[in-house]
Amino acid sequence: MAHATIMGSLKMLILCYTFFLLINLSHNFAFAFTSQDYSDALEKSILFFEGQRSGKLPANQRLKWRGDSGLSDGSGYHVDLVGGYYDAGDNVKFGLPMAFTTTLLAWSVIEFGSSMHNQLGNAKEAIRWSTDYLLKAATASPNTLYVQVGDPNQDHRCWERPEDMDTPRNVYKVSPQNPGSDVAAETAAALAAASIVFKDSDPSYSSTLLHTAQKVFDFADKYRGAYSDSLSSVVCPFYCSYSGYNDELLWGASWLHRASQDSTYLSYIQSNGQTMGANDDDYSFSWDDKRPGTKIVLSKDFLEKSTQEFQAYKVHSDNYICSLIPGSPSFQAQYTPGGLLYKGSGSNLQYVTASSFLLLTYAKYLRSNGGVVSCGSSRFPAEKLIELAKKQVDYILGDNPARISYMVGFGQKYPLRVHHRGSSLPSVHTHPAHIGCNDGFQSLNSGSPNPNVLVGAIVGGPDNRDNFEDDRNNYQQSEPATYINAPLVGALAFLSAAV
């Protein structure tokens, strides 16, 4: 009897242990994303930009809940500034983040467009929607760059659909008297990078983009100053140029060097690099600070063409990458317990997507000549960078402690209460009656899911303990932005082909 009891207990233990193993196996491999998963996420990451469109929507608009908006932008100032993108969850067109978004979308296509397959056309459309607007902003008036439409202080007092906007559509510009080298040089970078994207498919458009980029860069360089000094309260604290404008000037020159192959820009980089941050090791790449991105752009010439003038940029690129790699002697990044790179409480995923893109782009450059990342006495191959970037992207897509995808519309569980005016209010097509400035706050404060799914949007993301609150009022975590998505487009294209 005792023997039978022992045997029964043993069988029960074996069954429990087997069940435990199965649970663990399913837990560990529940998020082994396939090439198809990454392709699906890629398609959605690009589709998101259609939800941010301002202007007259085309017949092939796929996010059908949106409508035309901002159709008279610029008219009060006798310029045509219709089009472009709303930056995030509001209805303002901010020039600095829009231009940075465009540069990163273009860079994504330049590096990984061959892996985008049937999404390449959509990615180029997303770029062109912005560059068409930036061209207008750069050429409407001589010696002027229009850098913003909408008074953010007035806009943020309302919660209304872009189709209903009745807040002031003030227009803001930089000029020789009120310079903005940062926003102008970023605009030049965007137009130059986009000119590479369209060089084969639309040579005439590409030539226009490059020619305009050169003029805008000359304007940025000749009339130096930070746009936040010129425009103060309408760009700060929203998109203050905290890092100054030198980083954008070097970044803009780097893209013009790549796009034009004009030796003038090589000379500019060599002459001005030192004073513009070439030797600064900076560990944050964003719409504000371009230094890490510039180093990686310029390291390409050293790694692929052995251009000795750019060897120092390879060294500083290594320093940036080393700071991200756990186990590196110069590791200094912060990660959450669940493994997410963490830079700050406000819209942290912008740093995650930007860093992931730089890791994968640098890995591509390193692979071109068998190079490695040198971190003191340690060496890391390109595969280590890819592994780290993949872990970050997988976390965003749902492989995280909360088991939530931070891409709206991807996976079984994703944010439902996104801090986004158009998404959170009834569509103009189902509720054509005007919803006034204050009437929309009922939707902002509602606990109900957004009626319109902003497919592909990446929200701000979890805190430093992997906690996420799906609350529309919690804009630090629940607001999407174009510059969060843009670098992820390239990263997802790479992963869709690499798995």
Protein backbone atom coordinates (compact mmCIF):
# COMPACT_ATOMS: atom_id res chain seq x y z
CA MET A 1 0.00 0.00 0.00
CA ALA A 2 2.81 2.37 0.98
CA HIS A 3 4.65 1.41 -2.22
CA ALA A 4 1.58 2.21 -4.33
CA THR A 5 1.21 5.57 -2.60
CA ILE A 6 4.87 6.41 -3.26
CA MET A 7 4.52 5.37 -6.91
CA GLY A 8 1.36 7.47 -7.23
CA SER A 9 3.09 10.46 -5.72
CA LEU A 10 6.06 9.98 -8.02
CA LYS A 11 3.79 9.88 -11.09
CA MET A 12 2.08 13.04 -9.89
CA LEU A 13 5.45 14.75 -9.45
CA ILE A 14 6.51 13.71 -12.96
CA LEU A 15 3.23 15.01 -14.40
CA CYS A 16 3.59 18.30 -12.53
CA TYR A 17 7.20 18.67 -13.65
CA THR A 18 6.24 17.94 -17.28
CA PHE A 19 3.45 20.50 -17.07
CA PHE A 20 5.89 23.01 -15.56
CA LEU A 21 8.34 22.41 -18.43
CA LEU A 22 5.59 22.84 -21.03
CA ILE A 23 4.46 26.09 -19.44
CA ASN A 24 8.03 27.36 -19.40
CA LEU A 25 8.65 26.32 -22.97
CA SER A 26 5.50 28.04 -24.16
CA HIS A 27 6.45 31.10 -22.11
CA ASN A 28 9.95 31.26 -23.56
CA PHE A 29 8.94 30.74 -27.17
CA ALA A 30 5.59 32.49 -27.28
CA PHE A 31 7.26 35.47 -28.90
CA ALA A 32 9.62 33.86 -31.39
CA PHE A 33 8.65 36.31 -34.13
CA THR A 34 8.74 35.07 -37.71
CA SER A 35 9.71 36.88 -40.89
CA GLN A 36 5.98 37.27 -41.57
CA ASP A 37 5.47 38.88 -38.16
CA TYR A 38 8.17 41.46 -38.88
CA SER A 39 6.73 42.05 -42.37
CA ASP A 40 3.28 42.60 -40.84
CA ALA A 41 4.74 45.03 -38.30
CA LEU A 42 6.66 46.80 -41.10
CA GLU A 43 3.49 47.33 -43.10
CA LYS A 44 1.69 48.72 -40.05
CA SER A 45 4.60 50.95 -39.01
CA ILE A 46 4.37 52.71 -42.39
CA LEU A 47 0.56 52.78 -42.42
CA PHE A 48 0.68 54.83 -39.20
CA PHE A 49 1.92 57.85 -41.16
CA GLU A 50 -1.37 58.02 -43.04
CA GLY A 51 -3.07 58.74 -39.71
CA GLN A 52 -0.76 61.74 -39.24
CA ARG A 53 -1.36 63.32 -42.62
CA SER A 54 -2.39 66.93 -42.90
CA GLY A 55 -3.90 68.35 -46.08
CA LYS A 56 -6.00 66.92 -48.89
CA LEU A 57 -6.02 63.14 -48.56
CA PRO A 58 -5.46 61.08 -51.72
CA ALA A 59 -7.93 58.59 -53.19
CA ASN A 60 -5.72 55.69 -52.08
CA GLN A 61 -5.76 56.73 -48.40
CA ARG A 62 -5.92 53.48 -46.43
CA LEU A 63 -6.78 54.74 -42.94
CA LYS A 64 -10.33 55.58 -43.90
CA TRP A 65 -11.41 57.23 -40.63
CA ARG A 66 -9.27 60.28 -41.39
CA GLY A 67 -10.47 63.19 -43.52
CA ASP A 68 -9.02 66.34 -45.12
CA SER A 69 -7.61 68.94 -42.74
CA GLY A 70 -5.55 72.13 -42.68
CA LEU A 71 -6.57 72.99 -46.24
CA SER A 72 -5.95 76.71 -45.77
CA ASP A 73 -2.64 76.41 -43.90
CA GLY A 74 -0.46 79.37 -44.82
CA SER A 75 -3.16 81.24 -46.75
CA GLY A 76 -3.36 84.04 -44.20
CA TYR A 77 0.33 84.67 -44.90
CA HIS A 78 -0.05 84.30 -48.70
CA VAL A 79 1.91 81.04 -48.82
CA ASP A 80 0.85 77.46 -49.48
CA LEU A 81 1.72 75.31 -46.48
CA VAL A 82 -0.89 72.62 -46.99
CA GLY A 83 0.29 69.07 -46.32
CA GLY A 84 2.95 67.52 -44.12
CA TYR A 85 2.45 65.64 -40.86
CA TYR A 86 1.08 66.31 -37.41
CA ASP A 87 3.91 65.29 -35.13
CA ALA A 88 2.06 63.28 -32.49
CA GLY A 89 -1.35 63.40 -30.82
CA ASP A 90 -2.08 67.07 -31.51
CA ASN A 91 -2.76 69.13 -34.63
CA VAL A 92 0.44 71.21 -34.93
CA LYS A 93 2.97 70.86 -37.74
CA PHE A 94 6.35 71.23 -36.02
CA GLY A 95 9.19 71.57 -38.54
CA LEU A 96 12.11 70.15 -36.53
CA PRO A 97 10.62 66.75 -35.66
CA MET A 98 8.95 66.52 -39.08
CA ALA A 99 12.26 67.01 -40.84
CA PHE A 100 14.02 64.52 -38.54
CA THR A 101 11.24 62.00 -39.16
CA THR A 102 11.79 62.45 -42.89
CA THR A 103 15.56 62.01 -42.64
CA LEU A 104 15.11 58.78 -40.67
CA LEU A 105 12.45 57.42 -43.03
CA ALA A 106 14.73 58.15 -45.97
CA TRP A 107 17.73 56.59 -44.20
CA SER A 108 15.59 53.51 -43.51
CA VAL A 109 14.87 53.14 -47.22
CA ILE A 110 18.47 53.87 -48.23
CA GLU A 111 19.87 51.12 -45.98
CA PHE A 112 17.07 48.55 -45.93
CA GLY A 113 14.73 49.38 -48.82
CA SER A 114 15.77 46.21 -50.64
CA SER A 115 14.19 44.23 -47.78
CA MET A 116 10.90 46.15 -47.85
CA HIS A 117 9.55 44.33 -50.93
CA ASN A 118 5.88 45.27 -51.41
CA GLN A 119 6.13 47.99 -48.75
CA LEU A 120 8.83 50.00 -50.52
CA GLY A 121 6.26 52.01 -52.46
CA ASN A 122 4.35 52.85 -49.28
CA ALA A 123 7.56 53.88 -47.52
CA LYS A 124 8.46 56.20 -50.40
CA GLU A 125 4.94 57.67 -50.33
CA ALA A 126 5.37 58.38 -46.61
CA ILE A 127 8.62 60.22 -47.37
CA ARG A 128 7.16 62.13 -50.29
CA TRP A 129 4.17 63.32 -48.24
CA SER A 130 6.67 65.13 -46.05
CA THR A 131 9.20 66.26 -48.66
CA ASP A 132 6.44 67.83 -50.80
CA TYR A 133 5.59 69.96 -47.77
CA LEU A 134 9.21 70.70 -46.86
CA LEU A 135 9.87 71.86 -50.42
CA LYS A 136 7.01 74.35 -50.11
CA ALA A 137 8.28 75.51 -46.72
CA ALA A 138 11.77 76.04 -48.14
CA THR A 139 10.88 77.77 -51.41
CA ALA A 140 7.75 79.85 -50.68
CA SER A 141 9.75 83.01 -49.87
CA PRO A 142 13.39 84.00 -50.52
CA ASN A 143 15.79 83.64 -47.58
CA THR A 144 13.01 82.16 -45.46
CA LEU A 145 12.16 78.73 -44.12
CA TYR A 146 8.67 78.16 -42.76
CA VAL A 147 9.08 75.90 -39.76
CA GLN A 148 5.70 75.58 -38.06
CA VAL A 149 1.97 75.82 -38.60
CA GLY A 150 -0.27 76.13 -35.55
CA ASP A 151 0.04 77.78 -32.17
CA PRO A 152 0.76 74.86 -29.82
CA ASN A 153 -0.35 76.73 -26.73
CA GLN A 154 -3.78 77.33 -28.27
CA ASP A 155 -3.95 73.89 -29.88
CA HIS A 156 -3.25 72.11 -26.61
CA ARG A 157 -6.17 73.88 -24.94
CA CYS A 158 -8.51 71.99 -27.25
CA TRP A 159 -9.24 68.32 -27.81
CA GLU A 160 -10.59 68.24 -31.35
CA ARG A 161 -10.18 66.36 -34.58
CA PRO A 162 -7.81 67.82 -37.17
CA GLU A 163 -10.79 67.96 -39.54
CA ASP A 164 -12.55 70.34 -37.09
CA MET A 165 -9.65 72.63 -36.23
CA ASP A 166 -10.71 76.13 -35.32
CA THR A 167 -7.60 77.10 -33.35
CA PRO A 168 -5.23 79.74 -34.80
CA ARG A 169 -3.17 78.36 -37.68
CA ASN A 170 -0.35 80.81 -37.13
CA VAL A 171 2.69 80.39 -39.33
CA TYR A 172 6.25 80.67 -38.00
CA LYS A 173 9.45 81.10 -39.96
CA VAL A 174 13.20 81.56 -39.61
CA SER A 175 15.08 84.21 -41.55
CA PRO A 176 18.42 86.07 -41.55
CA GLN A 177 17.06 88.31 -38.78
CA ASN A 178 15.60 85.41 -36.79
CA PRO A 179 17.83 82.44 -37.63
CA GLY A 180 17.21 78.76 -37.07
CA SER A 181 20.30 76.83 -38.12
CA ASP A 182 19.09 73.70 -36.32
CA VAL A 183 15.71 73.34 -38.05
CA ALA A 184 17.12 74.55 -41.39
CA ALA A 185 20.06 72.13 -41.38
CA GLU A 186 17.75 69.27 -40.39
CA THR A 187 15.47 70.22 -43.27
CA ALA A 188 18.51 70.15 -45.57
CA ALA A 189 19.41 66.70 -44.23
CA ALA A 190 15.86 65.45 -44.89
CA LEU A 191 15.78 66.76 -48.46
CA ALA A 192 19.28 65.43 -49.19
CA ALA A 193 18.56 61.97 -47.80
CA ALA A 194 15.27 61.84 -49.70
CA SER A 195 17.05 62.81 -52.92
CA ILE A 196 18.98 59.52 -52.65
CA VAL A 197 15.71 57.59 -52.21
CA PHE A 198 14.21 59.03 -55.42
CA LYS A 199 17.39 59.18 -57.50
CA ASP A 200 16.51 56.20 -59.70
CA SER A 201 12.70 56.19 -59.59
CA ASP A 202 12.18 59.95 -60.09
CA PRO A 203 15.43 61.70 -61.14
CA SER A 204 13.77 65.08 -61.68
CA TYR A 205 12.21 65.12 -58.22
CA SER A 206 15.50 63.90 -56.72
CA SER A 207 17.36 66.76 -58.40
CA THR A 208 14.86 69.29 -57.01
CA LEU A 209 15.26 67.85 -53.53
CA LEU A 210 19.06 67.99 -53.66
CA HIS A 211 19.20 71.49 -55.14
CA THR A 212 16.81 72.77 -52.46
CA ALA A 213 18.75 70.96 -49.73
CA GLN A 214 21.94 72.75 -50.79
CA LYS A 215 20.24 76.16 -50.69
CA VAL A 216 18.64 75.49 -47.30
CA PHE A 217 21.96 74.29 -45.89
CA ASP A 218 23.73 77.42 -47.12
CA PHE A 219 21.02 79.49 -45.40
CA ALA A 220 21.44 77.49 -42.16
CA ASP A 221 25.20 77.91 -42.20
CA LYS A 222 25.28 81.57 -43.20
CA TYR A 223 22.71 82.82 -40.68
CA ARG A 224 23.60 81.00 -37.52
CA GLY A 225 21.41 80.77 -34.45
CA ALA A 226 19.06 78.42 -32.61
CA TYR A 227 15.43 78.52 -33.67
CA SER A 228 14.28 78.26 -30.07
CA ASP A 229 15.99 81.60 -29.42
CA SER A 230 14.12 83.13 -32.35
CA LEU A 231 10.72 81.54 -31.75
CA SER A 232 10.87 80.83 -27.99
CA SER A 233 7.43 80.07 -26.54
CA VAL A 234 5.91 78.57 -29.70
CA VAL A 235 8.60 75.88 -29.97
CA CYS A 236 9.56 75.57 -26.31
CA PRO A 237 9.08 73.47 -24.27
CA PHE A 238 7.66 71.32 -27.09
CA TYR A 239 10.70 71.01 -29.37
CA CYS A 240 13.39 73.24 -27.89
CA SER A 241 16.79 72.89 -29.50
CA TYR A 242 18.51 71.84 -26.28
CA SER A 243 21.64 70.57 -28.04
CA GLY A 244 22.16 73.77 -30.03
CA TYR A 245 22.60 73.87 -33.79
CA ASN A 246 26.15 72.65 -34.42
CA ASP A 247 25.07 69.02 -34.40
CA GLU A 248 22.50 69.72 -37.13
CA LEU A 249 25.01 71.62 -39.28
CA LEU A 250 27.43 68.66 -39.23
CA TRP A 251 24.55 66.21 -39.77
CA GLY A 252 23.23 68.24 -42.71
CA ALA A 253 26.68 68.48 -44.27
CA SER A 254 27.11 64.72 -43.86
CA TRP A 255 23.92 63.98 -45.76
CA LEU A 256 24.78 66.48 -48.48
CA HIS A 257 28.21 64.86 -48.77
CA ARG A 258 26.57 61.47 -49.29
CA ALA A 259 23.83 62.71 -51.62
CA SER A 260 25.90 65.03 -53.83
CA GLN A 261 29.43 63.56 -53.67
CA ASP A 262 30.48 67.21 -53.91
CA SER A 263 33.94 67.67 -52.37
CA THR A 264 32.76 70.99 -50.89
CA TYR A 265 30.92 69.11 -48.16
CA LEU A 266 33.91 66.88 -47.42
CA SER A 267 35.97 70.04 -46.93
CA TYR A 268 33.23 71.52 -44.73
CA ILE A 269 33.18 68.43 -42.51
CA GLN A 270 36.98 68.40 -42.23
CA SER A 271 37.15 72.13 -41.42
CA ASN A 272 34.21 72.30 -39.01
CA GLY A 273 33.94 68.84 -37.52
CA GLN A 274 35.99 69.58 -34.42
CA THR A 275 33.95 72.63 -33.44
CA MET A 276 30.65 70.95 -34.29
CA GLY A 277 30.95 67.96 -32.00
CA ALA A 278 32.96 65.44 -34.01
CA ASN A 279 35.01 64.58 -30.94
CA ASP A 280 32.11 64.64 -28.48
CA ASP A 281 30.91 61.26 -27.30
CA ASP A 282 27.19 61.62 -26.94
CA TYR A 283 24.91 58.73 -26.06
CA SER A 284 21.46 59.88 -27.10
CA PHE A 285 20.21 60.10 -30.68
CA SER A 286 16.92 61.95 -31.16
CA TRP A 287 15.09 64.75 -32.98
CA ASP A 288 17.19 67.13 -30.88
CA ASP A 289 20.69 65.61 -30.83
CA LYS A 290 22.17 64.23 -34.04
CA ARG A 291 25.74 63.53 -32.93
CA PRO A 292 25.64 59.71 -32.69
CA GLY A 293 23.82 59.46 -36.02
CA THR A 294 26.32 61.74 -37.74
CA LYS A 295 29.24 59.61 -36.59
CA ILE A 296 27.64 56.48 -37.97
CA VAL A 297 26.75 58.18 -41.30
CA LEU A 298 30.38 59.28 -41.70
CA SER A 299 31.89 56.01 -40.48
CA LYS A 300 30.45 54.37 -43.61
CA ASP A 301 33.05 56.05 -45.81
CA PHE A 302 35.86 54.76 -43.62
CA LEU A 303 34.48 51.23 -43.31
CA GLU A 304 33.46 50.80 -46.94
CA LYS A 305 35.88 53.08 -48.80
CA SER A 306 38.77 53.43 -46.30
CA THR A 307 38.43 57.22 -46.42
CA GLN A 308 41.05 58.03 -43.79
CA GLU A 309 39.57 61.44 -43.00
CA PHE A 310 36.65 59.63 -41.36
CA GLN A 311 38.55 57.12 -39.23
CA ALA A 312 37.84 59.17 -36.10
CA TYR A 313 34.11 58.85 -36.75
CA LYS A 314 34.47 55.07 -36.64
CA VAL A 315 36.16 55.37 -33.23
CA HIS A 316 33.37 57.56 -31.86
CA SER A 317 30.71 55.32 -33.41
CA ASP A 318 32.31 52.44 -31.52
CA ASN A 319 32.15 54.47 -28.32
CA TYR A 320 28.42 55.03 -28.79
CA ILE A 321 27.74 51.37 -29.56
CA CYS A 322 29.94 50.19 -26.66
CA SER A 323 27.85 52.27 -24.25
CA LEU A 324 24.80 50.17 -25.21
CA ILE A 325 26.31 46.68 -24.96
CA PRO A 326 25.99 44.96 -21.56
CA GLY A 327 29.35 43.44 -20.70
CA SER A 328 31.29 46.09 -22.60
CA PRO A 329 34.01 47.85 -20.52
CA SER A 330 32.36 51.19 -21.36
CA PHE A 331 28.75 50.03 -20.90
CA GLN A 332 26.68 52.82 -19.37
CA ALA A 333 23.12 52.47 -20.70
CA GLN A 334 20.22 51.75 -18.39
CA TYR A 335 17.90 48.82 -19.08
CA THR A 336 14.64 47.90 -17.40
CA PRO A 337 14.39 44.54 -15.58
CA GLY A 338 12.65 43.22 -18.70
CA GLY A 339 15.56 44.31 -20.93
CA LEU A 340 14.32 47.55 -22.52
CA LEU A 341 16.76 50.41 -23.10
CA TYR A 342 15.61 53.24 -20.86
CA LYS A 343 16.52 56.89 -21.33
CA GLY A 344 13.67 58.84 -19.77
CA SER A 345 10.05 58.86 -18.67
CA GLY A 346 8.72 60.90 -21.59
CA SER A 347 8.27 58.95 -24.81
CA ASN A 348 11.13 56.55 -24.04
CA LEU A 349 10.51 54.34 -27.07
CA GLN A 350 11.80 57.10 -29.36
CA TYR A 351 15.29 56.37 -28.00
CA VAL A 352 14.77 52.63 -28.31
CA THR A 353 13.74 52.72 -31.97
CA ALA A 354 16.48 55.23 -32.89
CA SER A 355 19.18 53.22 -31.10
CA SER A 356 17.98 49.96 -32.65
CA PHE A 357 18.18 51.49 -36.10
CA LEU A 358 21.72 52.78 -35.50
CA LEU A 359 22.81 49.36 -34.20
CA LEU A 360 21.53 47.61 -37.32
CA THR A 361 22.88 50.22 -39.72
CA TYR A 362 26.31 50.12 -38.11
CA ALA A 363 26.22 46.32 -38.19
CA LYS A 364 25.60 46.54 -41.93
CA TYR A 365 28.58 48.86 -42.40
CA LEU A 366 30.81 46.62 -40.27
CA ARG A 367 29.82 43.55 -42.26
CA SER A 368 30.94 45.26 -45.47
CA ASN A 369 34.58 44.75 -44.51
CA GLY A 370 34.49 42.26 -41.63
CA GLY A 371 34.90 45.03 -39.08
CA VAL A 372 34.21 44.79 -35.35
CA VAL A 373 33.30 47.20 -32.57
CA SER A 374 36.26 47.96 -30.34
CA CYS A 375 35.38 48.53 -26.69
CA GLY A 376 38.66 48.83 -24.86
CA SER A 377 40.10 45.32 -24.74
CA SER A 378 36.82 43.77 -25.90
CA ARG A 379 35.71 43.19 -29.48
CA PHE A 380 32.13 42.70 -30.61
CA PRO A 381 31.10 41.48 -34.08
CA ALA A 382 28.18 42.83 -36.09
CA GLU A 383 26.06 39.90 -34.91
CA LYS A 384 26.17 41.20 -31.34
CA LEU A 385 24.68 44.50 -32.47
CA ILE A 386 21.95 42.70 -34.40
CA GLU A 387 21.12 40.55 -31.38
CA LEU A 388 20.79 43.62 -29.15
CA ALA A 389 18.63 45.51 -31.66
CA LYS A 390 16.40 42.49 -32.22
CA LYS A 391 15.81 42.19 -28.48
CA GLN A 392 14.67 45.82 -28.35
CA VAL A 393 12.33 45.47 -31.33
CA ASP A 394 10.92 42.21 -29.98
CA TYR A 395 10.24 43.91 -26.65
CA ILE A 396 8.23 46.61 -28.47
CA LEU A 397 6.26 43.97 -30.37
CA GLY A 398 5.25 42.08 -27.24
CA ASP A 399 8.16 40.05 -25.87
CA ASN A 400 8.14 41.85 -22.54
CA PRO A 401 6.99 41.23 -18.95
CA ALA A 402 3.61 42.89 -19.55
CA ARG A 403 3.03 40.73 -22.66
CA ILE A 404 1.70 43.77 -24.49
CA SER A 405 2.61 45.02 -27.94
CA TYR A 406 3.44 48.71 -27.93
CA MET A 407 2.48 48.88 -31.61
CA VAL A 408 -1.22 49.66 -31.97
CA GLY A 409 -2.99 47.00 -34.01
CA PHE A 410 -0.20 44.44 -33.78
CA GLY A 411 -0.56 41.29 -31.70
CA GLN A 412 -3.32 40.13 -29.39
CA LYS A 413 -2.92 42.89 -26.80
CA TYR A 414 -1.94 46.50 -27.50
CA PRO A 415 -2.77 50.01 -26.17
CA LEU A 416 -6.43 50.93 -26.69
CA ARG A 417 -6.49 54.45 -25.21
CA VAL A 418 -3.87 56.23 -27.26
CA HIS A 419 -3.28 59.93 -26.52
CA HIS A 420 -4.31 61.10 -30.00
CA ARG A 421 -7.09 63.51 -30.87
CA GLY A 422 -8.18 62.05 -34.19
CA SER A 423 -8.06 58.46 -32.97
CA SER A 424 -9.94 59.12 -29.72
CA LEU A 425 -12.86 61.11 -31.19
CA PRO A 426 -15.57 59.76 -33.52
CA SER A 427 -14.50 59.75 -37.16
CA VAL A 428 -15.69 62.68 -39.24
CA HIS A 429 -17.24 60.10 -41.57
CA THR A 430 -19.46 58.58 -38.86
CA HIS A 431 -20.04 61.84 -36.97
CA PRO A 432 -19.90 64.65 -39.56
CA ALA A 433 -21.20 67.31 -37.15
CA HIS A 434 -18.53 69.66 -35.80
CA ILE A 435 -17.04 68.74 -32.42
CA GLY A 436 -15.86 71.92 -30.74
CA CYS A 437 -12.67 72.75 -28.87
CA ASN A 438 -13.98 71.85 -25.41
CA ASP A 439 -16.51 69.20 -26.42
CA GLY A 440 -13.79 66.65 -27.12
CA PHE A 441 -12.49 66.53 -23.55
CA GLN A 442 -15.23 64.07 -22.74
CA SER A 443 -13.43 61.63 -25.07
CA LEU A 444 -10.02 62.47 -23.63
CA ASN A 445 -11.20 61.65 -20.12
CA SER A 446 -13.24 58.60 -21.09
CA GLY A 447 -12.06 55.14 -20.12
CA SER A 448 -13.43 53.71 -23.37
CA PRO A 449 -11.08 52.46 -26.10
CA ASN A 450 -10.37 54.83 -28.99
CA PRO A 451 -13.08 54.44 -31.65
CA ASN A 452 -10.52 54.70 -34.48
CA VAL A 453 -7.52 52.37 -34.44
CA LEU A 454 -4.31 54.25 -35.26
CA VAL A 455 -2.76 51.15 -36.80
CA GLY A 456 1.02 50.91 -36.52
CA ALA A 457 1.48 53.71 -33.98
CA ILE A 458 4.25 53.13 -31.44
CA VAL A 459 3.34 54.77 -28.14
CA GLY A 460 5.71 56.31 -25.59
CA GLY A 461 6.06 52.98 -23.80
CA PRO A 462 6.56 51.60 -20.28
CA ASP A 463 8.44 53.05 -17.33
CA ASN A 464 11.80 51.95 -15.96
CA ARG A 465 10.15 49.00 -14.19
CA ASP A 466 8.35 47.74 -17.31
CA ASN A 467 5.01 49.09 -16.10
CA PHE A 468 2.58 50.59 -18.60
CA GLU A 469 -0.65 52.44 -17.95
CA ASP A 470 -3.06 52.36 -20.88
CA ASP A 471 -4.53 55.77 -20.06
CA ARG A 472 -5.21 58.51 -22.61
CA ASN A 473 -4.24 61.20 -20.10
CA ASN A 474 -0.86 59.58 -19.49
CA TYR A 475 0.70 61.15 -22.58
CA GLN A 476 4.28 60.28 -21.55
CA GLN A 477 3.42 56.61 -22.09
CA SER A 478 0.43 56.62 -24.42
CA GLU A 479 1.21 59.27 -27.06
CA PRO A 480 2.58 58.17 -30.44
CA ALA A 481 4.91 60.30 -32.58
CA THR A 482 6.23 60.19 -36.13
CA TYR A 483 9.86 60.14 -34.94
CA ILE A 484 9.23 57.03 -32.83
CA ASN A 485 8.05 55.12 -35.89
CA ALA A 486 10.48 56.39 -38.53
CA PRO A 487 13.63 54.51 -37.47
CA LEU A 488 11.60 51.40 -36.63
CA VAL A 489 10.62 51.17 -40.31
CA GLY A 490 14.24 50.41 -41.20
CA ALA A 491 14.76 48.05 -38.27
CA LEU A 492 11.65 46.01 -39.13
CA ALA A 493 12.68 45.81 -42.79
CA PHE A 494 16.06 44.38 -41.77
CA LEU A 495 14.52 41.84 -39.38
CA SER A 496 11.87 40.72 -41.88
CA ALA A 497 14.70 39.60 -44.16
CA ALA A 498 17.09 38.35 -41.48
CA VAL A 499 14.93 35.82 -39.63
